[in-house]
N, C-alpha and C. Protein backbone atom coordinates (compact mmCIF):
# COMPACT_ATOMS: atom_id res chain seq x y z
N MET A 1 0.82 -1.20 0.00
CA MET A 1 0.00 0.00 0.00
C MET A 1 0.86 1.26 0.00
N LYS A 2 1.88 1.27 0.88
CA LYS A 2 2.77 2.42 0.94
C LYS A 2 3.56 2.57 -0.36
N LYS A 3 3.93 1.42 -0.97
CA LYS A 3 4.69 1.46 -2.21
C LYS A 3 3.85 2.08 -3.33
N ASN A 4 2.55 1.72 -3.43
CA ASN A 4 1.66 2.33 -4.42
C ASN A 4 1.51 3.83 -4.20
N LEU A 5 1.37 4.22 -2.96
CA LEU A 5 1.23 5.63 -2.62
C LEU A 5 2.48 6.39 -3.03
N LEU A 6 3.68 5.82 -2.74
CA LEU A 6 4.93 6.47 -3.12
C LEU A 6 5.06 6.55 -4.65
N ASN A 7 4.68 5.47 -5.35
CA ASN A 7 4.74 5.49 -6.81
C ASN A 7 3.80 6.54 -7.39
N ASN A 8 2.59 6.64 -6.85
CA ASN A 8 1.64 7.66 -7.31
C ASN A 8 2.15 9.07 -7.05
N LEU A 9 2.74 9.28 -5.89
CA LEU A 9 3.29 10.60 -5.57
C LEU A 9 4.44 10.94 -6.51
N LEU A 10 5.32 9.94 -6.79
CA LEU A 10 6.43 10.16 -7.70
C LEU A 10 5.93 10.48 -9.11
N LEU A 11 4.95 9.72 -9.59
CA LEU A 11 4.39 9.97 -10.92
C LEU A 11 3.77 11.36 -10.98
N THR A 12 3.05 11.74 -9.93
CA THR A 12 2.44 13.07 -9.88
C THR A 12 3.52 14.15 -9.91
N ALA A 13 4.60 13.94 -9.18
CA ALA A 13 5.68 14.92 -9.15
C ALA A 13 6.33 15.03 -10.53
N LEU A 14 6.57 13.89 -11.19
CA LEU A 14 7.16 13.91 -12.52
C LEU A 14 6.25 14.60 -13.53
N LEU A 15 4.96 14.31 -13.45
CA LEU A 15 4.02 14.96 -14.36
C LEU A 15 4.01 16.46 -14.13
N SER A 16 4.01 16.86 -12.86
CA SER A 16 3.99 18.29 -12.54
C SER A 16 5.24 18.99 -13.04
N ALA A 17 6.36 18.28 -12.98
CA ALA A 17 7.62 18.88 -13.43
C ALA A 17 7.78 18.79 -14.93
N GLY A 18 6.87 18.14 -15.62
CA GLY A 18 6.95 18.02 -17.06
C GLY A 18 7.99 17.00 -17.50
N MET A 19 8.32 16.03 -16.63
CA MET A 19 9.34 15.05 -16.95
C MET A 19 8.75 13.68 -17.17
N ALA A 20 7.47 13.57 -17.42
CA ALA A 20 6.85 12.28 -17.65
C ALA A 20 7.19 11.78 -19.04
N SER A 21 6.88 10.53 -19.31
CA SER A 21 7.22 9.94 -20.60
C SER A 21 6.37 10.55 -21.71
N ALA A 22 6.73 10.21 -22.96
CA ALA A 22 6.00 10.72 -24.12
C ALA A 22 4.58 10.19 -24.16
N ASP A 23 4.33 9.08 -23.45
CA ASP A 23 2.97 8.52 -23.41
C ASP A 23 2.01 9.45 -22.68
N THR A 24 2.52 10.25 -21.77
CA THR A 24 1.67 11.15 -20.99
C THR A 24 2.19 12.57 -21.15
N PRO A 25 1.92 13.18 -22.32
CA PRO A 25 2.45 14.53 -22.55
C PRO A 25 1.82 15.55 -21.61
N VAL A 26 2.64 16.43 -21.12
CA VAL A 26 2.18 17.50 -20.26
C VAL A 26 2.55 18.81 -20.95
N VAL A 27 1.56 19.65 -21.22
CA VAL A 27 1.80 20.92 -21.88
C VAL A 27 1.54 22.02 -20.87
N PRO A 28 2.62 22.63 -20.36
CA PRO A 28 2.40 23.71 -19.40
C PRO A 28 1.79 24.93 -20.09
N ALA A 29 0.97 25.65 -19.37
CA ALA A 29 0.36 26.87 -19.92
C ALA A 29 1.46 27.91 -20.11
N SER A 30 1.46 28.54 -21.27
CA SER A 30 2.46 29.56 -21.57
C SER A 30 2.02 30.89 -20.97
N PRO A 31 2.88 31.48 -20.14
CA PRO A 31 2.52 32.78 -19.57
C PRO A 31 2.30 33.83 -20.66
N ASP A 32 3.10 33.78 -21.75
CA ASP A 32 2.92 34.75 -22.83
C ASP A 32 1.60 34.54 -23.55
N ALA A 33 1.17 33.29 -23.73
CA ALA A 33 -0.12 33.02 -24.38
C ALA A 33 -1.27 33.54 -23.52
N ASP A 34 -1.16 33.33 -22.23
CA ASP A 34 -2.20 33.85 -21.31
C ASP A 34 -2.23 35.37 -21.35
N LEU A 35 -1.06 35.96 -21.36
CA LEU A 35 -0.96 37.42 -21.40
C LEU A 35 -1.51 37.96 -22.71
N ALA A 36 -1.20 37.28 -23.83
CA ALA A 36 -1.72 37.70 -25.13
C ALA A 36 -3.24 37.67 -25.15
N SER A 37 -3.80 36.66 -24.51
CA SER A 37 -5.26 36.56 -24.42
C SER A 37 -5.83 37.75 -23.65
N LYS A 38 -5.18 38.13 -22.57
CA LYS A 38 -5.64 39.27 -21.77
C LYS A 38 -5.50 40.58 -22.55
N VAL A 39 -4.40 40.73 -23.28
CA VAL A 39 -4.20 41.95 -24.08
C VAL A 39 -5.28 42.04 -25.16
N THR A 40 -5.54 40.91 -25.83
CA THR A 40 -6.59 40.88 -26.85
C THR A 40 -7.92 41.32 -26.26
N HIS A 41 -8.25 40.77 -25.10
CA HIS A 41 -9.52 41.11 -24.44
C HIS A 41 -9.60 42.60 -24.12
N GLU A 42 -8.54 43.15 -23.57
CA GLU A 42 -8.55 44.57 -23.19
C GLU A 42 -8.68 45.48 -24.40
N ILE A 43 -8.01 45.13 -25.49
CA ILE A 43 -8.11 45.96 -26.70
C ILE A 43 -9.53 45.89 -27.26
N ARG A 44 -10.10 44.70 -27.32
CA ARG A 44 -11.47 44.56 -27.83
C ARG A 44 -12.49 45.27 -26.95
N MET A 45 -12.21 45.33 -25.66
CA MET A 45 -13.15 45.98 -24.74
C MET A 45 -12.95 47.49 -24.65
N TYR A 46 -11.87 47.99 -25.23
CA TYR A 46 -11.61 49.43 -25.21
C TYR A 46 -12.76 50.11 -25.95
N PRO A 47 -13.52 50.97 -25.28
CA PRO A 47 -14.75 51.50 -25.88
C PRO A 47 -14.54 52.39 -27.11
N ARG A 48 -13.33 52.89 -27.32
CA ARG A 48 -13.09 53.78 -28.45
C ARG A 48 -12.39 53.06 -29.62
N TYR A 49 -12.28 51.74 -29.53
CA TYR A 49 -11.67 50.96 -30.61
C TYR A 49 -12.71 50.81 -31.71
N THR A 50 -12.38 51.28 -32.93
CA THR A 50 -13.35 51.32 -34.02
C THR A 50 -12.77 50.68 -35.28
N ILE A 51 -13.57 50.70 -36.33
CA ILE A 51 -13.11 50.18 -37.62
C ILE A 51 -12.05 51.09 -38.25
N TRP A 52 -11.80 52.25 -37.66
CA TRP A 52 -10.79 53.17 -38.19
C TRP A 52 -9.42 52.90 -37.56
N ASP A 53 -9.35 51.93 -36.65
CA ASP A 53 -8.11 51.61 -35.95
C ASP A 53 -7.67 50.19 -36.31
N ASN A 54 -6.37 49.97 -36.28
CA ASN A 54 -5.81 48.65 -36.53
C ASN A 54 -4.70 48.43 -35.51
N ILE A 55 -5.00 47.67 -34.46
CA ILE A 55 -4.04 47.48 -33.37
C ILE A 55 -3.54 46.04 -33.40
N ASN A 56 -2.23 45.91 -33.46
CA ASN A 56 -1.57 44.60 -33.40
C ASN A 56 -0.61 44.63 -32.22
N PHE A 57 -0.21 43.45 -31.76
CA PHE A 57 0.75 43.40 -30.67
C PHE A 57 1.49 42.08 -30.71
N ARG A 58 2.61 42.07 -30.00
CA ARG A 58 3.40 40.86 -29.81
C ARG A 58 3.79 40.81 -28.35
N VAL A 59 3.70 39.62 -27.75
CA VAL A 59 4.09 39.43 -26.36
C VAL A 59 5.29 38.51 -26.35
N GLN A 60 6.34 38.94 -25.65
CA GLN A 60 7.53 38.12 -25.52
C GLN A 60 8.10 38.32 -24.12
N SER A 61 8.07 37.25 -23.34
CA SER A 61 8.59 37.25 -21.97
C SER A 61 7.95 38.36 -21.13
N GLY A 62 6.66 38.56 -21.30
CA GLY A 62 5.94 39.57 -20.52
C GLY A 62 6.05 40.97 -21.06
N ASN A 63 6.82 41.17 -22.13
CA ASN A 63 6.96 42.49 -22.75
C ASN A 63 6.01 42.57 -23.95
N VAL A 64 5.25 43.66 -24.02
CA VAL A 64 4.25 43.83 -25.08
C VAL A 64 4.69 44.94 -26.02
N ASP A 65 4.72 44.59 -27.32
CA ASP A 65 5.01 45.57 -28.37
C ASP A 65 3.72 45.87 -29.11
N LEU A 66 3.26 47.11 -29.05
CA LEU A 66 2.05 47.53 -29.76
C LEU A 66 2.43 48.15 -31.10
N THR A 67 1.76 47.70 -32.17
CA THR A 67 1.98 48.27 -33.50
C THR A 67 0.62 48.48 -34.16
N GLY A 68 0.63 49.18 -35.27
CA GLY A 68 -0.60 49.43 -36.00
C GLY A 68 -0.90 50.92 -36.06
N GLU A 69 -2.16 51.23 -36.31
CA GLU A 69 -2.57 52.62 -36.49
C GLU A 69 -3.83 52.91 -35.68
N VAL A 70 -3.88 54.13 -35.16
CA VAL A 70 -5.08 54.61 -34.49
C VAL A 70 -5.48 55.95 -35.10
N SER A 71 -6.76 56.25 -35.05
CA SER A 71 -7.28 57.43 -35.73
C SER A 71 -7.25 58.71 -34.90
N GLN A 72 -6.92 58.60 -33.61
CA GLN A 72 -6.89 59.77 -32.73
C GLN A 72 -5.69 59.68 -31.80
N PRO A 73 -5.05 60.81 -31.48
CA PRO A 73 -3.86 60.78 -30.62
C PRO A 73 -4.11 60.19 -29.23
N TYR A 74 -5.26 60.50 -28.63
CA TYR A 74 -5.52 60.02 -27.27
C TYR A 74 -5.62 58.50 -27.21
N LYS A 75 -5.99 57.85 -28.32
CA LYS A 75 -6.13 56.40 -28.33
C LYS A 75 -4.77 55.73 -28.10
N LYS A 76 -3.73 56.29 -28.69
CA LYS A 76 -2.39 55.71 -28.52
C LYS A 76 -2.01 55.67 -27.04
N SER A 77 -2.16 56.79 -26.37
CA SER A 77 -1.76 56.83 -24.96
C SER A 77 -2.69 56.01 -24.07
N GLU A 78 -4.00 56.05 -24.34
CA GLU A 78 -4.94 55.28 -23.52
C GLU A 78 -4.71 53.77 -23.66
N ILE A 79 -4.50 53.31 -24.88
CA ILE A 79 -4.28 51.88 -25.10
C ILE A 79 -2.97 51.45 -24.45
N GLY A 80 -1.94 52.26 -24.58
CA GLY A 80 -0.67 51.95 -23.92
C GLY A 80 -0.83 51.85 -22.41
N ARG A 81 -1.59 52.77 -21.83
CA ARG A 81 -1.82 52.76 -20.38
C ARG A 81 -2.62 51.54 -19.96
N ILE A 82 -3.65 51.19 -20.73
CA ILE A 82 -4.49 50.04 -20.41
C ILE A 82 -3.67 48.76 -20.45
N VAL A 83 -2.88 48.59 -21.49
CA VAL A 83 -2.06 47.37 -21.63
C VAL A 83 -1.01 47.31 -20.52
N ALA A 84 -0.41 48.44 -20.17
CA ALA A 84 0.59 48.46 -19.10
C ALA A 84 -0.01 48.06 -17.76
N GLY A 85 -1.31 48.26 -17.59
CA GLY A 85 -1.98 47.93 -16.34
C GLY A 85 -2.42 46.48 -16.21
N ILE A 86 -2.21 45.68 -17.22
CA ILE A 86 -2.60 44.27 -17.17
C ILE A 86 -1.60 43.52 -16.30
N PRO A 87 -2.08 42.77 -15.32
CA PRO A 87 -1.17 42.00 -14.47
C PRO A 87 -0.31 41.05 -15.31
N GLY A 88 0.99 41.09 -15.07
CA GLY A 88 1.92 40.23 -15.80
C GLY A 88 2.69 40.96 -16.88
N VAL A 89 2.21 42.15 -17.29
CA VAL A 89 2.93 42.93 -18.30
C VAL A 89 4.11 43.62 -17.63
N LYS A 90 5.30 43.35 -18.16
CA LYS A 90 6.51 43.95 -17.60
C LYS A 90 6.77 45.32 -18.22
N THR A 91 6.76 45.38 -19.55
CA THR A 91 6.98 46.65 -20.25
C THR A 91 6.06 46.73 -21.46
N VAL A 92 5.82 47.94 -21.92
CA VAL A 92 5.04 48.17 -23.14
C VAL A 92 5.84 49.09 -24.05
N THR A 93 6.04 48.63 -25.28
CA THR A 93 6.63 49.47 -26.31
C THR A 93 5.47 49.90 -27.21
N ASN A 94 5.14 51.18 -27.16
CA ASN A 94 3.97 51.68 -27.87
C ASN A 94 4.39 52.31 -29.20
N ASP A 95 4.39 51.49 -30.25
CA ASP A 95 4.72 51.97 -31.58
C ASP A 95 3.48 52.19 -32.44
N LEU A 96 2.35 52.46 -31.81
CA LEU A 96 1.14 52.76 -32.56
C LEU A 96 1.34 54.08 -33.31
N GLU A 97 0.96 54.09 -34.57
CA GLU A 97 1.05 55.30 -35.38
C GLU A 97 -0.28 56.03 -35.29
N VAL A 98 -0.21 57.33 -35.04
CA VAL A 98 -1.42 58.15 -35.04
C VAL A 98 -1.62 58.66 -36.46
N LEU A 99 -2.75 58.30 -37.05
CA LEU A 99 -3.05 58.72 -38.42
C LEU A 99 -3.30 60.22 -38.45
N PRO A 100 -2.98 60.88 -39.57
CA PRO A 100 -3.20 62.32 -39.66
C PRO A 100 -4.68 62.67 -39.47
N LEU A 101 -4.92 63.77 -38.77
CA LEU A 101 -6.28 64.26 -38.58
C LEU A 101 -6.63 65.09 -39.81
N SER A 102 -7.61 64.61 -40.57
CA SER A 102 -7.94 65.25 -41.83
C SER A 102 -9.41 65.04 -42.16
N ARG A 103 -10.08 66.12 -42.54
CA ARG A 103 -11.49 66.00 -42.94
C ARG A 103 -11.63 65.14 -44.19
N MET A 104 -10.68 65.27 -45.11
CA MET A 104 -10.73 64.47 -46.34
C MET A 104 -10.61 62.97 -45.99
N ASP A 105 -9.68 62.64 -45.09
CA ASP A 105 -9.53 61.24 -44.68
C ASP A 105 -10.79 60.74 -43.98
N ASP A 106 -11.37 61.59 -43.13
CA ASP A 106 -12.61 61.20 -42.44
C ASP A 106 -13.73 60.93 -43.43
N GLN A 107 -13.84 61.79 -44.43
CA GLN A 107 -14.87 61.62 -45.46
C GLN A 107 -14.63 60.33 -46.24
N LEU A 108 -13.38 60.06 -46.57
CA LEU A 108 -13.04 58.84 -47.31
C LEU A 108 -13.34 57.59 -46.47
N ARG A 109 -13.04 57.65 -45.17
CA ARG A 109 -13.34 56.51 -44.29
C ARG A 109 -14.83 56.17 -44.35
N VAL A 110 -15.66 57.18 -44.24
CA VAL A 110 -17.11 56.96 -44.25
C VAL A 110 -17.57 56.42 -45.60
N GLN A 111 -17.05 56.98 -46.68
CA GLN A 111 -17.45 56.51 -48.01
C GLN A 111 -17.05 55.05 -48.23
N VAL A 112 -15.85 54.69 -47.81
CA VAL A 112 -15.39 53.31 -47.98
C VAL A 112 -16.22 52.37 -47.10
N ALA A 113 -16.49 52.79 -45.88
CA ALA A 113 -17.30 51.96 -44.97
C ALA A 113 -18.69 51.73 -45.55
N ARG A 114 -19.30 52.78 -46.06
CA ARG A 114 -20.64 52.62 -46.67
C ARG A 114 -20.59 51.67 -47.86
N ALA A 115 -19.57 51.83 -48.70
CA ALA A 115 -19.45 50.97 -49.88
C ALA A 115 -19.29 49.50 -49.47
N ILE A 116 -18.50 49.26 -48.46
CA ILE A 116 -18.26 47.88 -48.03
C ILE A 116 -19.47 47.30 -47.31
N PHE A 117 -19.94 47.99 -46.29
CA PHE A 117 -20.96 47.41 -45.42
C PHE A 117 -22.38 47.49 -45.99
N HIS A 118 -22.59 48.24 -47.08
CA HIS A 118 -23.89 48.22 -47.74
C HIS A 118 -23.98 47.12 -48.78
N ASP A 119 -22.88 46.45 -49.05
CA ASP A 119 -22.90 45.31 -49.97
C ASP A 119 -23.60 44.15 -49.27
N SER A 120 -24.52 43.49 -49.98
CA SER A 120 -25.31 42.42 -49.36
C SER A 120 -24.46 41.26 -48.84
N VAL A 121 -23.32 41.01 -49.46
CA VAL A 121 -22.44 39.92 -49.02
C VAL A 121 -21.72 40.29 -47.72
N LEU A 122 -21.42 41.56 -47.53
CA LEU A 122 -20.62 42.00 -46.39
C LEU A 122 -21.43 42.67 -45.28
N SER A 123 -22.69 42.92 -45.53
CA SER A 123 -23.50 43.68 -44.56
C SER A 123 -23.61 43.01 -43.19
N ARG A 124 -23.49 41.69 -43.14
CA ARG A 124 -23.59 41.00 -41.83
C ARG A 124 -22.46 41.41 -40.89
N TYR A 125 -21.32 41.83 -41.44
CA TYR A 125 -20.22 42.27 -40.59
C TYR A 125 -20.52 43.59 -39.88
N ALA A 126 -21.36 44.40 -40.47
CA ALA A 126 -21.69 45.71 -39.89
C ALA A 126 -22.47 45.60 -38.60
N MET A 127 -23.08 44.44 -38.36
CA MET A 127 -23.90 44.27 -37.16
C MET A 127 -23.08 43.94 -35.91
N GLN A 128 -21.80 43.69 -36.07
CA GLN A 128 -20.95 43.36 -34.93
C GLN A 128 -20.52 44.64 -34.22
N PRO A 129 -20.29 44.57 -32.90
CA PRO A 129 -19.88 45.78 -32.17
C PRO A 129 -18.65 46.46 -32.79
N VAL A 130 -17.64 45.68 -33.12
CA VAL A 130 -16.49 46.19 -33.87
C VAL A 130 -16.32 45.25 -35.06
N PRO A 131 -16.80 45.68 -36.23
CA PRO A 131 -16.69 44.80 -37.40
C PRO A 131 -15.24 44.39 -37.64
N PRO A 132 -15.04 43.18 -38.15
CA PRO A 132 -13.68 42.68 -38.35
C PRO A 132 -12.95 43.27 -39.55
N ILE A 133 -13.63 44.09 -40.33
CA ILE A 133 -12.97 44.79 -41.44
C ILE A 133 -12.62 46.19 -40.95
N HIS A 134 -11.32 46.52 -40.95
CA HIS A 134 -10.87 47.83 -40.50
C HIS A 134 -10.39 48.63 -41.69
N ILE A 135 -10.78 49.90 -41.73
CA ILE A 135 -10.50 50.79 -42.85
C ILE A 135 -9.49 51.84 -42.37
N ILE A 136 -8.27 51.71 -42.83
CA ILE A 136 -7.20 52.61 -42.42
C ILE A 136 -6.96 53.60 -43.57
N VAL A 137 -7.11 54.87 -43.27
CA VAL A 137 -6.91 55.91 -44.28
C VAL A 137 -5.80 56.83 -43.79
N ASP A 138 -4.77 56.94 -44.61
CA ASP A 138 -3.60 57.75 -44.27
C ASP A 138 -3.31 58.68 -45.44
N ASN A 139 -3.70 59.95 -45.29
CA ASN A 139 -3.51 60.95 -46.35
C ASN A 139 -4.08 60.48 -47.69
N GLY A 140 -5.30 59.97 -47.66
CA GLY A 140 -5.99 59.57 -48.88
C GLY A 140 -5.67 58.17 -49.36
N HIS A 141 -4.77 57.48 -48.70
CA HIS A 141 -4.41 56.12 -49.08
C HIS A 141 -5.18 55.14 -48.18
N VAL A 142 -5.88 54.19 -48.80
CA VAL A 142 -6.75 53.27 -48.08
C VAL A 142 -6.11 51.89 -47.98
N THR A 143 -6.14 51.34 -46.77
CA THR A 143 -5.70 49.97 -46.53
C THR A 143 -6.79 49.26 -45.75
N LEU A 144 -7.15 48.07 -46.20
CA LEU A 144 -8.12 47.24 -45.49
C LEU A 144 -7.35 46.24 -44.64
N GLU A 145 -7.70 46.16 -43.37
CA GLU A 145 -7.07 45.24 -42.43
C GLU A 145 -8.16 44.43 -41.75
N GLY A 146 -7.80 43.30 -41.19
CA GLY A 146 -8.77 42.50 -40.45
C GLY A 146 -8.95 41.14 -41.06
N VAL A 147 -10.14 40.59 -40.84
CA VAL A 147 -10.40 39.21 -41.27
C VAL A 147 -11.82 39.08 -41.80
N VAL A 148 -11.96 38.27 -42.84
CA VAL A 148 -13.28 37.91 -43.39
C VAL A 148 -13.32 36.39 -43.51
N SER A 149 -14.49 35.86 -43.77
CA SER A 149 -14.65 34.41 -43.79
C SER A 149 -14.11 33.74 -45.05
N THR A 150 -14.30 34.38 -46.19
CA THR A 150 -13.95 33.71 -47.45
C THR A 150 -13.13 34.62 -48.36
N GLU A 151 -12.50 33.99 -49.33
CA GLU A 151 -11.72 34.72 -50.34
C GLU A 151 -12.64 35.65 -51.14
N MET A 152 -13.86 35.18 -51.42
CA MET A 152 -14.82 36.00 -52.17
C MET A 152 -15.14 37.29 -51.40
N GLU A 153 -15.34 37.20 -50.10
CA GLU A 153 -15.62 38.39 -49.30
C GLU A 153 -14.44 39.35 -49.32
N LYS A 154 -13.24 38.83 -49.28
CA LYS A 154 -12.04 39.67 -49.36
C LYS A 154 -12.03 40.43 -50.68
N GLU A 155 -12.29 39.72 -51.76
CA GLU A 155 -12.28 40.36 -53.08
C GLU A 155 -13.37 41.41 -53.21
N ILE A 156 -14.57 41.10 -52.72
CA ILE A 156 -15.67 42.06 -52.79
C ILE A 156 -15.36 43.31 -51.98
N ALA A 157 -14.78 43.13 -50.78
CA ALA A 157 -14.42 44.28 -49.95
C ALA A 157 -13.42 45.17 -50.68
N GLY A 158 -12.43 44.56 -51.33
CA GLY A 158 -11.44 45.34 -52.09
C GLY A 158 -12.07 46.09 -53.24
N ILE A 159 -12.97 45.42 -53.95
CA ILE A 159 -13.65 46.06 -55.09
C ILE A 159 -14.50 47.23 -54.61
N ARG A 160 -15.27 47.02 -53.55
CA ARG A 160 -16.13 48.09 -53.02
C ARG A 160 -15.31 49.27 -52.53
N ALA A 161 -14.21 48.98 -51.83
CA ALA A 161 -13.35 50.06 -51.32
C ALA A 161 -12.74 50.84 -52.48
N SER A 162 -12.31 50.15 -53.52
CA SER A 162 -11.71 50.82 -54.69
C SER A 162 -12.73 51.69 -55.41
N GLY A 163 -13.98 51.29 -55.40
CA GLY A 163 -15.03 52.04 -56.09
C GLY A 163 -15.63 53.16 -55.29
N ALA A 164 -15.17 53.36 -54.06
CA ALA A 164 -15.76 54.38 -53.19
C ALA A 164 -15.35 55.80 -53.56
N GLY A 165 -14.28 55.95 -54.33
CA GLY A 165 -13.86 57.27 -54.78
C GLY A 165 -12.95 57.97 -53.79
N LEU A 166 -12.35 59.03 -54.24
CA LEU A 166 -11.47 59.92 -53.48
C LEU A 166 -10.14 59.33 -53.05
N SER A 167 -9.91 58.05 -53.21
CA SER A 167 -8.66 57.45 -52.78
C SER A 167 -7.53 57.86 -53.71
N PHE A 168 -6.34 58.11 -53.13
CA PHE A 168 -5.16 58.45 -53.91
C PHE A 168 -4.40 57.16 -54.20
N GLY A 169 -4.75 56.52 -55.28
CA GLY A 169 -4.06 55.29 -55.63
C GLY A 169 -4.89 54.06 -55.33
N GLN A 170 -4.27 52.92 -55.50
CA GLN A 170 -4.92 51.64 -55.34
C GLN A 170 -5.15 51.32 -53.86
N VAL A 171 -6.27 50.68 -53.58
CA VAL A 171 -6.57 50.24 -52.21
C VAL A 171 -5.70 49.02 -51.91
N VAL A 172 -5.04 49.02 -50.76
CA VAL A 172 -4.24 47.88 -50.32
C VAL A 172 -5.17 46.98 -49.51
N ASN A 173 -5.34 45.75 -49.97
CA ASN A 173 -6.26 44.81 -49.32
C ASN A 173 -5.46 43.79 -48.53
N ASN A 174 -5.28 44.05 -47.24
CA ASN A 174 -4.55 43.15 -46.34
C ASN A 174 -5.49 42.26 -45.54
N LEU A 175 -6.74 42.14 -45.96
CA LEU A 175 -7.68 41.30 -45.22
C LEU A 175 -7.18 39.86 -45.23
N ARG A 176 -7.30 39.20 -44.09
CA ARG A 176 -6.96 37.79 -43.99
C ARG A 176 -8.24 36.98 -44.14
N VAL A 177 -8.11 35.80 -44.70
CA VAL A 177 -9.26 34.93 -44.93
C VAL A 177 -9.27 33.85 -43.87
N GLU A 178 -10.37 33.78 -43.13
CA GLU A 178 -10.51 32.82 -42.04
C GLU A 178 -10.63 31.38 -42.55
N ASN A 179 -11.37 31.18 -43.63
CA ASN A 179 -11.59 29.85 -44.19
C ASN A 179 -11.13 29.81 -45.65
N PRO A 180 -9.80 29.80 -45.88
CA PRO A 180 -9.35 29.81 -47.26
C PRO A 180 -9.84 28.54 -47.99
N SER A 181 -10.20 28.73 -49.24
CA SER A 181 -10.68 27.58 -50.01
C SER A 181 -9.50 26.66 -50.30
N LYS A 182 -9.78 25.40 -50.30
CA LYS A 182 -8.76 24.41 -50.58
C LYS A 182 -8.80 24.08 -52.07
N THR A 183 -7.70 24.32 -52.75
CA THR A 183 -7.65 24.03 -54.18
C THR A 183 -6.97 22.69 -54.37
N LYS A 184 -7.48 21.91 -55.33
CA LYS A 184 -6.92 20.60 -55.61
C LYS A 184 -5.83 20.74 -56.66
N HIS A 185 -4.69 20.12 -56.38
CA HIS A 185 -3.59 20.12 -57.34
C HIS A 185 -3.52 18.74 -57.98
N SER A 186 -3.31 18.69 -59.32
CA SER A 186 -3.23 17.39 -60.00
C SER A 186 -1.85 16.82 -59.88
């Protein structure tokens, strides 16, 4: 009885230490993955995060690097402060770019958003609190960021954005496709 108890305690200790055999894999929770989840949550819950902003980040050993673009100067500082306040964050490097404040850019943002979200294929995205298609306008140059479900939706969004007018040059379509179609190769 004592021998079984000792064997069970030893096995438990080995499993806890991550030294068990390959038959019993133990995957410890990554502190950076947990922290990334918290950062994602805080950014999504930030009440001023809109389709005019594109916030990306990287977590490495508790250090958070913020990148992307925001449409107002106060957003950069507020987001940096919010992320710095998350338990477990050691440092924050805030490389968010503040987009130029421009009436022409604001007008273009609205025109592109209307063109995209009034399309019957893409209109379902407009019903979300923060639609997954982000429209970044920098001195008349339009970039689409975010994620859509299919390649067709990505193409339609690019076409609608290009047809909205006032853009200086071609629309850059950086939308990612959540469910890329699988093509068969012979």
